[in-house]
Amino acid sequence: MENSDSLPKKDALFSIVKQLNIDIGTLIYVGDQPADWLAAQETGTNFLGVSYGWGISKEDKGFPVVDSPKGIAQYFLKGNCK
């Protein structure tokens, strides 16, 4: 979703749920940018931030943040998804 030929993040999320025929509230967007969080908010998508990318830190508030790929797995294994 980062190059100029792709859809804006918000539109890409809507496209994904349409293709998969799922409710957008069941999707979890894992992202490393504030723009990812904004797209999730605008669409009603759940969000998990990762601090090992470029734009999100462990200190960010308003959404859960993990600091490793293992942290993503642990987040889901703990039942933190709908």
N, C-alpha and C. Protein backbone atom coordinates (compact mmCIF):
# COMPACT_ATOMS: atom_id res chain seq x y z
N MET A 1 0.80 -1.20 0.00
CA MET A 1 0.00 0.00 0.00
C MET A 1 0.84 1.26 0.00
N GLU A 2 2.12 1.15 -0.14
CA GLU A 2 2.99 2.30 -0.01
C GLU A 2 3.31 3.01 -1.33
N ASN A 3 3.18 2.34 -2.48
CA ASN A 3 3.58 3.02 -3.71
C ASN A 3 2.40 3.78 -4.33
N SER A 4 2.70 4.66 -5.25
CA SER A 4 1.68 5.55 -5.80
C SER A 4 0.68 4.83 -6.70
N ASP A 5 1.00 3.61 -7.13
CA ASP A 5 0.07 2.87 -7.98
C ASP A 5 -0.98 2.11 -7.19
N SER A 6 -0.84 2.06 -5.88
CA SER A 6 -1.76 1.28 -5.06
C SER A 6 -2.88 2.15 -4.52
N LEU A 7 -3.87 1.48 -3.96
CA LEU A 7 -4.99 2.18 -3.34
C LEU A 7 -4.55 2.88 -2.06
N PRO A 8 -5.23 3.95 -1.69
CA PRO A 8 -5.00 4.51 -0.35
C PRO A 8 -5.32 3.44 0.70
N LYS A 9 -4.69 3.52 1.84
CA LYS A 9 -4.84 2.49 2.88
C LYS A 9 -6.30 2.23 3.22
N LYS A 10 -7.07 3.29 3.39
CA LYS A 10 -8.49 3.14 3.74
C LYS A 10 -9.23 2.36 2.66
N ASP A 11 -9.01 2.70 1.41
CA ASP A 11 -9.67 2.00 0.31
C ASP A 11 -9.20 0.56 0.19
N ALA A 12 -7.93 0.31 0.47
CA ALA A 12 -7.40 -1.05 0.43
C ALA A 12 -8.07 -1.92 1.50
N LEU A 13 -8.30 -1.36 2.68
CA LEU A 13 -8.98 -2.12 3.72
C LEU A 13 -10.41 -2.48 3.31
N PHE A 14 -11.11 -1.51 2.75
CA PHE A 14 -12.47 -1.79 2.27
C PHE A 14 -12.45 -2.84 1.16
N SER A 15 -11.47 -2.77 0.27
CA SER A 15 -11.35 -3.74 -0.81
C SER A 15 -11.11 -5.15 -0.27
N ILE A 16 -10.26 -5.26 0.74
CA ILE A 16 -9.96 -6.57 1.33
C ILE A 16 -11.21 -7.21 1.92
N VAL A 17 -11.95 -6.45 2.71
CA VAL A 17 -13.14 -7.05 3.34
C VAL A 17 -14.19 -7.41 2.30
N LYS A 18 -14.26 -6.63 1.23
CA LYS A 18 -15.21 -6.96 0.17
C LYS A 18 -14.80 -8.26 -0.53
N GLN A 19 -13.50 -8.39 -0.83
CA GLN A 19 -13.01 -9.60 -1.49
C GLN A 19 -13.19 -10.83 -0.62
N LEU A 20 -12.97 -10.69 0.68
CA LEU A 20 -13.08 -11.82 1.60
C LEU A 20 -14.50 -12.04 2.12
N ASN A 21 -15.38 -11.07 1.82
CA ASN A 21 -16.77 -11.13 2.26
C ASN A 21 -16.84 -11.29 3.79
N ILE A 22 -16.12 -10.40 4.49
CA ILE A 22 -16.12 -10.40 5.95
C ILE A 22 -16.48 -9.01 6.46
N ASP A 23 -16.86 -8.96 7.72
CA ASP A 23 -17.16 -7.68 8.36
C ASP A 23 -15.84 -6.96 8.67
N ILE A 24 -15.79 -5.68 8.41
CA ILE A 24 -14.55 -4.92 8.62
C ILE A 24 -14.14 -4.91 10.09
N GLY A 25 -15.10 -5.08 10.98
CA GLY A 25 -14.79 -5.12 12.40
C GLY A 25 -14.06 -6.37 12.84
N THR A 26 -13.98 -7.37 11.96
CA THR A 26 -13.26 -8.60 12.30
C THR A 26 -11.83 -8.58 11.78
N LEU A 27 -11.50 -7.59 10.98
CA LEU A 27 -10.16 -7.46 10.42
C LEU A 27 -9.23 -6.80 11.44
N ILE A 28 -7.99 -7.24 11.51
CA ILE A 28 -7.00 -6.60 12.36
C ILE A 28 -5.85 -6.15 11.47
N TYR A 29 -5.63 -4.86 11.46
CA TYR A 29 -4.57 -4.25 10.66
C TYR A 29 -3.33 -4.15 11.55
N VAL A 30 -2.26 -4.80 11.15
CA VAL A 30 -0.99 -4.71 11.85
C VAL A 30 -0.14 -3.70 11.09
N GLY A 31 0.24 -2.62 11.75
CA GLY A 31 0.96 -1.57 11.05
C GLY A 31 2.03 -0.90 11.89
N ASP A 32 2.92 -0.20 11.20
CA ASP A 32 4.03 0.47 11.88
C ASP A 32 4.04 1.97 11.64
N GLN A 33 2.95 2.51 11.14
CA GLN A 33 2.89 3.95 10.83
C GLN A 33 1.64 4.58 11.44
N PRO A 34 1.74 5.83 11.87
CA PRO A 34 0.53 6.53 12.31
C PRO A 34 -0.56 6.54 11.24
N ALA A 35 -0.17 6.58 9.97
CA ALA A 35 -1.16 6.56 8.88
C ALA A 35 -1.91 5.22 8.84
N ASP A 36 -1.26 4.15 9.27
CA ASP A 36 -1.93 2.85 9.35
C ASP A 36 -3.02 2.91 10.42
N TRP A 37 -2.68 3.47 11.57
CA TRP A 37 -3.64 3.63 12.67
C TRP A 37 -4.81 4.51 12.22
N LEU A 38 -4.53 5.58 11.51
CA LEU A 38 -5.58 6.46 11.02
C LEU A 38 -6.52 5.73 10.06
N ALA A 39 -5.96 4.96 9.14
CA ALA A 39 -6.79 4.19 8.20
C ALA A 39 -7.67 3.19 8.95
N ALA A 40 -7.12 2.56 9.97
CA ALA A 40 -7.91 1.61 10.77
C ALA A 40 -9.05 2.34 11.47
N GLN A 41 -8.76 3.50 12.05
CA GLN A 41 -9.80 4.29 12.71
C GLN A 41 -10.89 4.71 11.74
N GLU A 42 -10.50 5.18 10.56
CA GLU A 42 -11.46 5.67 9.57
C GLU A 42 -12.38 4.57 9.06
N THR A 43 -11.93 3.34 9.12
CA THR A 43 -12.71 2.24 8.56
C THR A 43 -13.36 1.34 9.60
N GLY A 44 -13.05 1.55 10.88
CA GLY A 44 -13.60 0.69 11.92
C GLY A 44 -12.88 -0.65 12.02
N THR A 45 -11.63 -0.67 11.55
CA THR A 45 -10.81 -1.87 11.61
C THR A 45 -10.04 -1.90 12.92
N ASN A 46 -9.90 -3.08 13.51
CA ASN A 46 -9.05 -3.24 14.69
C ASN A 46 -7.60 -2.96 14.27
N PHE A 47 -6.78 -2.54 15.23
CA PHE A 47 -5.41 -2.18 14.90
C PHE A 47 -4.44 -2.69 15.95
N LEU A 48 -3.31 -3.20 15.49
CA LEU A 48 -2.19 -3.58 16.35
C LEU A 48 -0.95 -2.89 15.81
N GLY A 49 -0.35 -2.05 16.62
CA GLY A 49 0.86 -1.35 16.21
C GLY A 49 2.10 -2.17 16.50
N VAL A 50 3.10 -2.01 15.65
CA VAL A 50 4.39 -2.67 15.89
C VAL A 50 5.46 -1.59 16.01
N SER A 51 6.23 -1.67 17.10
CA SER A 51 7.22 -0.64 17.36
C SER A 51 8.57 -0.92 16.71
N TYR A 52 8.68 -2.05 16.03
CA TYR A 52 9.95 -2.36 15.36
C TYR A 52 9.98 -1.87 13.92
N GLY A 53 8.99 -1.11 13.54
CA GLY A 53 8.94 -0.51 12.21
C GLY A 53 9.47 0.91 12.27
N TRP A 54 8.80 1.81 11.56
CA TRP A 54 9.33 3.16 11.39
C TRP A 54 8.65 4.26 12.19
N GLY A 55 7.36 4.11 12.49
CA GLY A 55 6.67 5.29 13.01
C GLY A 55 5.92 5.13 14.31
N ILE A 56 5.89 3.95 14.89
CA ILE A 56 5.16 3.71 16.13
C ILE A 56 6.16 3.29 17.20
N SER A 57 5.95 3.80 18.42
CA SER A 57 6.83 3.43 19.53
C SER A 57 6.03 2.76 20.63
N LYS A 58 6.73 2.15 21.56
CA LYS A 58 6.08 1.49 22.69
C LYS A 58 5.29 2.49 23.53
N GLU A 59 5.64 3.75 23.46
CA GLU A 59 4.97 4.78 24.26
C GLU A 59 3.66 5.26 23.64
N ASP A 60 3.38 4.89 22.40
CA ASP A 60 2.12 5.32 21.77
C ASP A 60 0.93 4.77 22.53
N LYS A 61 -0.10 5.58 22.64
CA LYS A 61 -1.31 5.21 23.37
C LYS A 61 -2.48 5.18 22.40
N GLY A 62 -3.56 4.56 22.81
CA GLY A 62 -4.77 4.53 22.00
C GLY A 62 -4.94 3.24 21.23
N PHE A 63 -3.90 2.43 21.20
CA PHE A 63 -3.96 1.15 20.53
C PHE A 63 -2.87 0.25 21.11
N PRO A 64 -3.06 -1.06 21.03
CA PRO A 64 -2.02 -1.96 21.54
C PRO A 64 -0.78 -1.92 20.65
N VAL A 65 0.38 -2.09 21.26
CA VAL A 65 1.65 -2.07 20.54
C VAL A 65 2.49 -3.28 21.00
N VAL A 66 3.08 -3.97 20.04
CA VAL A 66 4.03 -5.04 20.34
C VAL A 66 5.36 -4.67 19.72
N ASP A 67 6.42 -5.32 20.21
CA ASP A 67 7.75 -4.91 19.75
C ASP A 67 8.52 -5.97 18.98
N SER A 68 7.81 -7.02 18.53
CA SER A 68 8.49 -8.07 17.76
C SER A 68 7.46 -8.92 17.03
N PRO A 69 7.89 -9.65 16.01
CA PRO A 69 6.96 -10.59 15.37
C PRO A 69 6.41 -11.61 16.38
N LYS A 70 7.24 -12.04 17.31
CA LYS A 70 6.77 -12.95 18.36
C LYS A 70 5.65 -12.28 19.17
N GLY A 71 5.77 -10.98 19.39
CA GLY A 71 4.74 -10.24 20.11
C GLY A 71 3.40 -10.26 19.38
N ILE A 72 3.44 -10.25 18.05
CA ILE A 72 2.19 -10.34 17.27
C ILE A 72 1.53 -11.68 17.56
N ALA A 73 2.32 -12.75 17.48
CA ALA A 73 1.78 -14.09 17.74
C ALA A 73 1.22 -14.18 19.16
N GLN A 74 1.95 -13.66 20.13
CA GLN A 74 1.48 -13.71 21.52
C GLN A 74 0.19 -12.92 21.69
N TYR A 75 0.08 -11.80 21.01
CA TYR A 75 -1.14 -10.99 21.06
C TYR A 75 -2.35 -11.81 20.62
N PHE A 76 -2.20 -12.53 19.51
CA PHE A 76 -3.31 -13.33 19.01
C PHE A 76 -3.55 -14.56 19.87
N LEU A 77 -2.50 -15.19 20.34
CA LEU A 77 -2.65 -16.38 21.18
C LEU A 77 -3.32 -16.08 22.51
N LYS A 78 -3.19 -14.85 22.98
CA LYS A 78 -3.85 -14.44 24.23
C LYS A 78 -5.33 -14.14 24.01
N GLY A 79 -5.80 -14.29 22.79
CA GLY A 79 -7.22 -14.07 22.50
C GLY A 79 -7.60 -12.62 22.35
N ASN A 80 -6.68 -11.78 21.95
CA ASN A 80 -6.95 -10.36 21.78
C ASN A 80 -7.57 -10.01 20.44
N CYS A 81 -8.23 -10.93 19.83
CA CYS A 81 -8.89 -10.65 18.56
C CYS A 81 -10.32 -11.16 18.64
N LYS A 82 -11.15 -10.57 17.82
CA LYS A 82 -12.59 -10.92 17.84
C LYS A 82 -12.84 -12.18 17.05
